[in-house]
Amino acid sequence: MSKILPALLLAVMPLHLIRPIGLPGLKRRADFWKIAVVAIAMMMLTVFIRP
């Protein structure tokens, strides 16, 4: 899971720059940084959960 998530989010970021996803908060191309913030937060959460 810890390797799939970053790969998936890195694939979504360029796609969002080409065509915005349209989800609430992701309607403009300039909002791709929000995907990066969520990715960093999820990776940190994964690190904290592991023993």
Protein backbone atom coordinates (compact mmCIF):
# COMPACT_ATOMS: atom_id res chain seq x y z
CA MET A 1 0.00 0.00 0.00
CA SER A 2 2.81 2.41 0.79
CA LYS A 3 4.24 2.06 -2.74
CA ILE A 4 0.96 2.07 -4.65
CA LEU A 5 -0.37 5.28 -3.13
CA PRO A 6 2.49 7.61 -4.17
CA ALA A 7 2.54 6.11 -7.67
CA LEU A 8 -1.19 6.62 -8.04
CA LEU A 9 -1.06 10.20 -6.80
CA LEU A 10 1.92 11.03 -9.02
CA ALA A 11 -0.08 9.73 -11.98
CA VAL A 12 -3.13 11.81 -11.04
CA MET A 13 -1.23 15.10 -10.71
CA PRO A 14 -0.18 15.44 -14.40
CA LEU A 15 -3.61 14.24 -15.51
CA HIS A 16 -5.17 16.99 -13.41
CA LEU A 17 -2.94 19.57 -15.10
CA ILE A 18 -4.14 18.38 -18.51
CA ARG A 19 -7.81 18.16 -17.57
CA PRO A 20 -9.10 19.11 -14.12
CA ILE A 21 -10.75 16.27 -12.21
CA GLY A 22 -13.81 18.32 -11.25
CA LEU A 23 -14.12 17.18 -7.64
CA PRO A 24 -14.97 19.84 -5.05
CA GLY A 25 -11.78 21.79 -4.44
CA LEU A 26 -10.14 20.45 -7.62
CA LYS A 27 -11.96 22.40 -10.31
CA ARG A 28 -9.02 24.49 -11.58
CA ARG A 29 -5.71 23.36 -13.05
CA ALA A 30 -3.88 25.42 -10.44
CA ASP A 31 -5.27 23.17 -7.69
CA PHE A 32 -2.87 20.31 -8.46
CA TRP A 33 -0.82 21.29 -5.39
CA LYS A 34 -3.69 20.09 -3.20
CA ILE A 35 -3.13 16.57 -4.51
CA ALA A 36 0.52 16.83 -3.44
CA VAL A 37 -0.47 18.01 0.04
CA VAL A 38 -2.86 15.07 0.43
CA ALA A 39 -0.16 12.68 -0.81
CA ILE A 40 2.36 13.96 1.74
CA ALA A 41 -0.21 13.76 4.54
CA MET A 42 -1.15 10.18 3.62
CA MET A 43 2.51 9.12 3.49
CA MET A 44 3.10 10.67 6.91
CA LEU A 45 0.05 8.87 8.25
CA THR A 46 1.36 5.59 6.85
CA VAL A 47 4.71 6.14 8.58
CA PHE A 48 3.06 6.96 11.92
CA ILE A 49 0.76 3.93 11.81
CA ARG A 50 3.56 1.44 11.21
CA PRO A 51 5.10 0.10 14.42
